[in-house]
Amino acid sequence: MGVIFKRKETGLVIIIICLIVLINSINNVFFSPENILNLLRNNSLIMIGALGMTMVIISGGIDVSIAAVVMTIMMVVGRCIAYLGFNLFGAFAVAILIGLGIGLANGWLIGKSKLPAIVVTLGTLNIIRGLLFLITGGQWVNRALMPEWLTDFGNFTVFGLPIQTIITIGMVALVWFILRYTLVGRSTFAIGGNFESAERAGINVERTMLFIYAFMGVLTGIATVTQLSIVKMVDPYSYNGLELQIIAAVVVGGARITGGRATILGTVLGVLFVTIVNNGLVLMHISSFWQNAVIGAAILIAVSVDAISIKNAKKRIPSVEIY
């Protein structure tokens, strides 16, 4: 029992329960079955994106290009569906290929050249965003141009759960399995824990980084088509700041920003926290401008608590002086 209460996830669960009680006391619509299902459905993009980001952060990296990648996939896939008549499988295939290509480029640059991940992905962000708006002019793809099958897929349910939630649960299970039971999962933790030790232990760092960022791209592709089935339109401006929410969810969920530690349970709880804050502020009629402020504060608190716990842990380690 004592171990449970020492886990960071336990504290986050308590905070989430308190938030739910507070928000529901102000607006009882929050805890209605319809709103809960809508929260799960509408935040599949953040949840799936956070799963990929968890692997990236465990490895000691970070990916700030995810919003630009989502916008790129959304623009290309939206046009393929609207103007070229692509079906569901074609949409997923194109989305995954684009995400895979960008992820491989990021992973190769980070693993091969040993450049900091934030530098590489920041460069990717600006290149992709610049080319995207240069080619498309930032034009929307109107909902009226989207085919009926997209609406049917977006509204499909399995045992009362939206298809987007089913896909999300599948991705949660997949990433959990990779991190817990595969060599690449163990290598990811080792690289984030101590890069030099991982190399000396014989871990192929370059290949592992290539996989991590490529897989991040694949997850982003799946998440983007899932999101497109909800919104049924392409608005290139609506995903600015997405990376902040995804990184916040992972860090608040207990991931160490310097790498080496995170749990999928913590990430799921972190996404729930971000989701509840965003939805709760709307239901409480509080300006949406406060969302980023609250999430930013949550990041600072989570990182500060982690830094203090590391510092205290080091103090408890006995030191031996040799004369």
Protein backbone atom coordinates (compact mmCIF):
# COMPACT_ATOMS: atom_id res chain seq x y z
CA MET A 1 0.00 0.00 0.00
CA GLY A 2 2.86 2.37 0.84
CA VAL A 3 4.41 1.77 -2.58
CA ILE A 4 1.17 2.77 -4.30
CA PHE A 5 1.04 6.12 -2.51
CA LYS A 6 4.68 6.81 -3.38
CA ARG A 7 3.95 6.52 -7.12
CA LYS A 8 3.51 9.79 -9.02
CA GLU A 9 0.47 8.36 -10.80
CA THR A 10 -1.38 8.14 -7.46
CA GLY A 11 -1.00 11.86 -6.83
CA LEU A 12 -2.17 12.61 -10.36
CA VAL A 13 -5.24 10.39 -9.91
CA ILE A 14 -6.14 12.34 -6.75
CA ILE A 15 -5.72 15.67 -8.58
CA ILE A 16 -7.88 14.43 -11.48
CA ILE A 17 -10.63 13.28 -9.08
CA CYS A 18 -10.57 16.66 -7.31
CA LEU A 19 -10.82 18.46 -10.66
CA ILE A 20 -13.76 16.30 -11.73
CA VAL A 21 -15.61 16.97 -8.47
CA LEU A 22 -14.90 20.73 -8.68
CA ILE A 23 -15.93 21.10 -12.33
CA ASN A 24 -19.01 18.88 -11.95
CA SER A 25 -20.15 20.90 -8.93
CA ILE A 26 -20.13 24.02 -11.10
CA ASN A 27 -21.57 22.40 -14.22
CA ASN A 28 -23.04 18.90 -13.88
CA VAL A 29 -22.94 18.42 -17.64
CA PHE A 30 -19.25 17.53 -17.28
CA PHE A 31 -19.76 14.07 -15.78
CA SER A 32 -22.61 13.10 -18.10
CA PRO A 33 -22.04 9.95 -20.23
CA GLU A 34 -22.32 12.00 -23.43
CA ASN A 35 -19.61 14.44 -22.37
CA ILE A 36 -17.28 11.66 -21.17
CA LEU A 37 -17.60 9.83 -24.51
CA ASN A 38 -17.02 13.10 -26.38
CA LEU A 39 -13.90 13.78 -24.30
CA LEU A 40 -12.50 10.33 -25.11
CA ARG A 41 -13.37 10.68 -28.79
CA ASN A 42 -12.27 14.26 -29.38
CA ASN A 43 -8.90 13.90 -27.65
CA SER A 44 -7.68 10.82 -29.53
CA LEU A 45 -5.18 13.02 -31.40
CA ILE A 46 -3.56 14.21 -28.17
CA MET A 47 -3.58 10.73 -26.64
CA ILE A 48 -1.98 8.95 -29.61
CA GLY A 49 0.49 11.79 -30.12
CA ALA A 50 1.42 11.62 -26.43
CA LEU A 51 2.18 7.89 -26.74
CA GLY A 52 4.77 8.60 -29.42
CA MET A 53 6.11 11.56 -27.44
CA THR A 54 6.51 9.30 -24.40
CA MET A 55 8.97 7.11 -26.29
CA VAL A 56 10.81 10.18 -27.57
CA ILE A 57 11.13 11.72 -24.10
CA ILE A 58 12.18 8.40 -22.52
CA SER A 59 15.06 8.33 -25.03
CA GLY A 60 16.17 11.77 -23.81
CA GLY A 61 14.80 13.65 -26.82
CA ILE A 62 11.81 15.82 -27.66
CA ASP A 63 9.78 16.42 -30.81
CA VAL A 64 8.41 19.94 -31.24
CA SER A 65 7.51 19.33 -34.90
CA ILE A 66 4.41 17.22 -34.23
CA ALA A 67 1.93 20.07 -34.85
CA ALA A 68 3.52 20.83 -38.23
CA VAL A 69 3.50 17.13 -39.15
CA VAL A 70 -0.20 16.87 -38.22
CA MET A 71 -1.00 19.94 -40.36
CA THR A 72 0.97 18.52 -43.30
CA ILE A 73 -0.70 15.11 -43.15
CA MET A 74 -4.10 16.72 -42.69
CA MET A 75 -3.64 18.98 -45.73
CA VAL A 76 -2.34 16.21 -48.01
CA VAL A 77 -4.79 13.51 -46.92
CA GLY A 78 -7.72 15.95 -46.92
CA ARG A 79 -6.99 16.87 -50.53
CA CYS A 80 -6.49 13.24 -51.52
CA ILE A 81 -9.92 12.41 -50.08
CA ALA A 82 -11.73 15.48 -51.40
CA TYR A 83 -10.22 15.78 -54.88
CA LEU A 84 -8.73 12.37 -55.74
CA GLY A 85 -11.41 10.14 -54.25
CA PHE A 86 -9.17 8.23 -51.81
CA ASN A 87 -10.94 5.73 -49.55
CA LEU A 88 -10.29 5.02 -45.86
CA PHE A 89 -7.40 2.62 -46.46
CA GLY A 90 -5.78 5.00 -48.94
CA ALA A 91 -6.11 7.85 -46.43
CA PHE A 92 -4.42 5.85 -43.66
CA ALA A 93 -1.70 4.64 -46.06
CA VAL A 94 -0.80 8.16 -47.23
CA ALA A 95 -0.89 9.52 -43.67
CA ILE A 96 1.36 6.75 -42.34
CA LEU A 97 3.83 7.11 -45.23
CA ILE A 98 4.15 10.88 -44.73
CA GLY A 99 4.57 10.50 -40.97
CA LEU A 100 7.05 7.66 -41.47
CA GLY A 101 9.11 9.71 -43.95
CA ILE A 102 9.35 12.74 -41.68
CA GLY A 103 10.06 10.55 -38.65
CA LEU A 104 12.85 8.70 -40.47
CA ALA A 105 14.43 12.03 -41.45
CA ASN A 106 14.29 13.25 -37.83
CA GLY A 107 15.59 9.95 -36.46
CA TRP A 108 18.45 9.75 -38.97
CA LEU A 109 19.62 13.30 -38.24
CA ILE A 110 19.40 12.81 -34.47
CA GLY A 111 20.96 9.34 -34.41
CA LYS A 112 23.59 9.79 -37.10
CA SER A 113 24.78 13.33 -36.50
CA LYS A 114 24.10 13.33 -32.72
CA LEU A 115 22.40 16.71 -33.08
CA PRO A 116 20.08 17.70 -30.19
CA ALA A 117 16.54 16.52 -30.86
CA ILE A 118 15.03 19.94 -30.16
CA VAL A 119 17.30 21.55 -32.80
CA VAL A 120 16.45 18.93 -35.45
CA THR A 121 12.68 18.94 -34.83
CA LEU A 122 12.57 22.74 -34.58
CA GLY A 123 14.22 22.87 -37.99
CA THR A 124 11.78 20.27 -39.32
CA LEU A 125 8.88 22.27 -37.94
CA ASN A 126 9.85 25.44 -39.79
CA ILE A 127 10.75 23.67 -43.05
CA ILE A 128 7.49 21.70 -43.17
CA ARG A 129 5.31 24.63 -42.14
CA GLY A 130 6.97 26.97 -44.66
CA LEU A 131 6.65 24.51 -47.56
CA LEU A 132 3.10 23.59 -46.58
CA PHE A 133 1.79 27.16 -46.65
CA LEU A 134 3.85 28.00 -49.73
CA ILE A 135 2.31 25.13 -51.71
CA THR A 136 -1.28 25.29 -50.40
CA GLY A 137 -1.54 28.98 -49.58
CA GLY A 138 -3.08 27.94 -46.25
CA GLN A 139 -6.41 27.15 -47.93
CA TRP A 140 -8.97 25.07 -46.10
CA VAL A 141 -10.65 21.93 -47.40
CA ASN A 142 -14.33 22.53 -46.77
CA ARG A 143 -16.50 19.98 -45.00
CA ALA A 144 -18.86 19.94 -47.98
CA LEU A 145 -16.11 18.37 -50.12
CA MET A 146 -15.65 15.40 -47.80
CA PRO A 147 -17.29 12.09 -48.86
CA GLU A 148 -20.03 10.32 -46.93
CA TRP A 149 -17.79 7.41 -45.93
CA LEU A 150 -15.69 9.75 -43.76
CA THR A 151 -18.79 10.73 -41.79
CA ASP A 152 -19.86 7.08 -41.50
CA PHE A 153 -16.43 6.07 -40.23
CA GLY A 154 -16.25 9.01 -37.82
CA ASN A 155 -19.63 8.12 -36.29
CA PHE A 156 -18.99 4.36 -36.12
CA THR A 157 -19.16 2.77 -32.66
CA VAL A 158 -18.14 -0.60 -31.18
CA PHE A 159 -20.09 -1.67 -28.07
CA GLY A 160 -21.07 1.97 -27.60
CA LEU A 161 -17.49 3.25 -27.82
CA PRO A 162 -16.51 5.60 -30.69
CA ILE A 163 -14.14 4.09 -33.26
CA GLN A 164 -11.61 6.80 -32.40
CA THR A 165 -11.52 5.55 -28.80
CA ILE A 166 -11.10 1.94 -29.97
CA ILE A 167 -8.13 2.96 -32.13
CA THR A 168 -6.65 4.90 -29.22
CA ILE A 169 -6.96 1.92 -26.85
CA GLY A 170 -5.23 -0.24 -29.47
CA MET A 171 -2.34 2.22 -29.74
CA VAL A 172 -2.01 2.43 -25.94
CA ALA A 173 -1.74 -1.38 -25.75
CA LEU A 174 0.80 -1.47 -28.61
CA VAL A 175 3.14 1.16 -27.13
CA TRP A 176 2.88 -0.40 -23.67
CA PHE A 177 3.87 -3.78 -25.15
CA ILE A 178 6.82 -2.28 -27.09
CA LEU A 179 8.23 -0.51 -24.03
CA ARG A 180 7.73 -3.43 -21.67
CA TYR A 181 8.53 -6.52 -23.70
CA THR A 182 10.75 -5.65 -26.68
CA LEU A 183 14.45 -5.05 -27.10
CA VAL A 184 13.84 -1.64 -28.67
CA GLY A 185 11.75 -0.68 -25.64
CA ARG A 186 14.52 -1.62 -23.20
CA SER A 187 17.05 0.14 -25.44
CA THR A 188 14.93 3.31 -25.36
CA PHE A 189 15.06 3.41 -21.55
CA ALA A 190 18.78 2.64 -21.55
CA ILE A 191 19.61 5.45 -23.99
CA GLY A 192 17.59 7.97 -22.01
CA GLY A 193 19.04 6.80 -18.71
CA ASN A 194 22.68 7.06 -19.77
CA PHE A 195 23.64 7.55 -23.41
CA GLU A 196 27.32 6.62 -23.02
CA SER A 197 26.59 3.50 -20.96
CA ALA A 198 24.02 2.37 -23.54
CA GLU A 199 26.61 2.65 -26.31
CA ARG A 200 29.21 0.77 -24.24
CA ALA A 201 26.64 -1.95 -23.57
CA GLY A 202 26.41 -2.56 -27.31
CA ILE A 203 23.06 -0.90 -27.99
CA ASN A 204 22.76 0.37 -31.56
CA VAL A 205 21.79 3.94 -30.68
CA GLU A 206 21.44 5.09 -34.29
CA ARG A 207 19.04 2.29 -35.20
CA THR A 208 17.03 2.74 -32.02
CA MET A 209 16.62 6.49 -32.56
CA LEU A 210 15.60 5.80 -36.14
CA PHE A 211 12.86 3.47 -34.90
CA ILE A 212 11.64 5.83 -32.16
CA TYR A 213 11.14 8.83 -34.45
CA ALA A 214 9.82 6.72 -37.34
CA PHE A 215 7.28 5.14 -34.99
CA MET A 216 6.40 8.60 -33.71
CA GLY A 217 5.66 9.58 -37.32
CA VAL A 218 3.49 6.49 -37.89
CA LEU A 219 1.48 7.19 -34.74
CA THR A 220 1.06 10.82 -35.84
CA GLY A 221 -0.29 9.63 -39.20
CA ILE A 222 -2.83 7.34 -37.55
CA ALA A 223 -3.83 10.06 -35.08
CA THR A 224 -4.30 12.63 -37.86
CA VAL A 225 -6.70 10.51 -39.92
CA THR A 226 -8.55 9.66 -36.70
CA GLN A 227 -8.86 13.39 -36.01
CA LEU A 228 -9.97 14.07 -39.59
CA SER A 229 -12.82 11.59 -39.13
CA ILE A 230 -14.06 13.80 -36.26
CA VAL A 231 -13.67 17.31 -37.68
CA LYS A 232 -14.34 16.29 -41.34
CA MET A 233 -12.53 19.38 -42.62
CA VAL A 234 -8.99 20.70 -42.99
CA ASP A 235 -8.09 23.86 -41.08
CA PRO A 236 -4.30 24.33 -41.14
CA TYR A 237 -4.40 26.95 -38.38
CA SER A 238 -6.23 24.96 -35.71
CA TYR A 239 -3.29 22.82 -34.53
CA ASN A 240 -0.89 25.57 -33.47
CA GLY A 241 0.23 24.84 -29.92
CA LEU A 242 -0.63 21.13 -30.15
CA GLU A 243 2.94 20.20 -29.23
CA LEU A 244 2.61 22.11 -25.93
CA GLN A 245 -0.43 20.08 -24.88
CA ILE A 246 1.16 16.76 -25.86
CA ILE A 247 4.48 17.47 -24.12
CA ALA A 248 2.58 18.76 -21.08
CA ALA A 249 0.53 15.56 -20.87
CA VAL A 250 3.66 13.38 -20.93
CA VAL A 251 5.61 15.50 -18.41
CA VAL A 252 2.65 15.91 -16.04
CA GLY A 253 2.21 12.13 -16.31
CA GLY A 254 5.58 11.68 -14.61
CA ALA A 255 8.04 11.44 -17.50
CA ARG A 256 11.51 12.75 -16.70
CA ILE A 257 12.19 15.48 -19.26
CA THR A 258 15.88 14.50 -19.38
CA GLY A 259 14.97 10.93 -20.31
CA GLY A 260 15.11 7.45 -18.83
CA ARG A 261 11.76 7.36 -17.05
CA ALA A 262 8.06 7.38 -17.96
CA THR A 263 5.06 5.08 -17.84
CA ILE A 264 2.18 4.60 -20.24
CA LEU A 265 -0.25 4.79 -17.31
CA GLY A 266 1.27 8.15 -16.37
CA THR A 267 0.90 9.40 -19.95
CA VAL A 268 -2.76 8.32 -20.09
CA LEU A 269 -3.41 10.13 -16.80
CA GLY A 270 -1.49 13.18 -18.05
CA VAL A 271 -3.68 13.34 -21.16
CA LEU A 272 -6.78 13.03 -18.98
CA PHE A 273 -5.52 15.93 -16.86
CA VAL A 274 -4.95 18.16 -19.91
CA THR A 275 -8.30 17.11 -21.39
CA ILE A 276 -10.20 17.79 -18.18
CA VAL A 277 -8.55 21.20 -17.77
CA ASN A 278 -9.40 22.22 -21.34
CA ASN A 279 -12.98 20.95 -21.20
CA GLY A 280 -13.57 22.11 -17.64
CA LEU A 281 -12.54 25.69 -18.34
CA VAL A 282 -15.01 25.80 -21.24
CA LEU A 283 -17.85 24.39 -19.12
CA MET A 284 -17.03 26.87 -16.33
CA HIS A 285 -17.20 29.71 -18.90
CA ILE A 286 -13.57 30.68 -18.29
CA SER A 287 -11.65 32.22 -21.20
CA SER A 288 -9.83 29.66 -23.35
CA PHE A 289 -6.71 31.84 -23.09
CA TRP A 290 -6.27 30.41 -19.59
CA GLN A 291 -5.81 26.88 -20.99
CA ASN A 292 -2.21 27.41 -22.08
CA ALA A 293 -1.46 29.29 -18.84
CA VAL A 294 -2.74 26.42 -16.68
CA ILE A 295 -0.96 23.77 -18.79
CA GLY A 296 2.27 25.77 -18.78
CA ALA A 297 2.08 26.06 -15.00
CA ALA A 298 1.49 22.31 -14.75
CA ILE A 299 4.65 21.67 -16.78
CA LEU A 300 6.71 23.94 -14.51
CA ILE A 301 5.35 22.30 -11.36
CA ALA A 302 5.90 18.77 -12.68
CA VAL A 303 9.48 19.48 -13.79
CA SER A 304 10.26 21.30 -10.53
CA VAL A 305 8.93 18.45 -8.39
CA ASP A 306 10.97 15.97 -10.44
CA ALA A 307 14.13 18.08 -10.09
CA ILE A 308 13.66 18.37 -6.32
CA SER A 309 13.10 14.61 -5.94
CA ILE A 310 16.31 13.89 -7.93
CA LYS A 311 18.24 16.36 -5.79
CA ASN A 312 16.93 14.81 -2.57
CA ALA A 313 17.72 11.32 -3.83
CA LYS A 314 21.33 12.34 -4.51
CA LYS A 315 21.64 13.75 -1.00
CA ARG A 316 20.58 10.40 0.45
CA ILE A 317 23.38 8.58 -1.41
CA PRO A 318 26.33 8.23 1.02
CA SER A 319 29.54 9.78 -0.20
CA VAL A 320 32.94 8.24 0.40
CA GLU A 321 36.00 10.45 0.52
CA ILE A 322 39.35 8.87 -0.39
CA TYR A 323 42.52 10.52 0.85
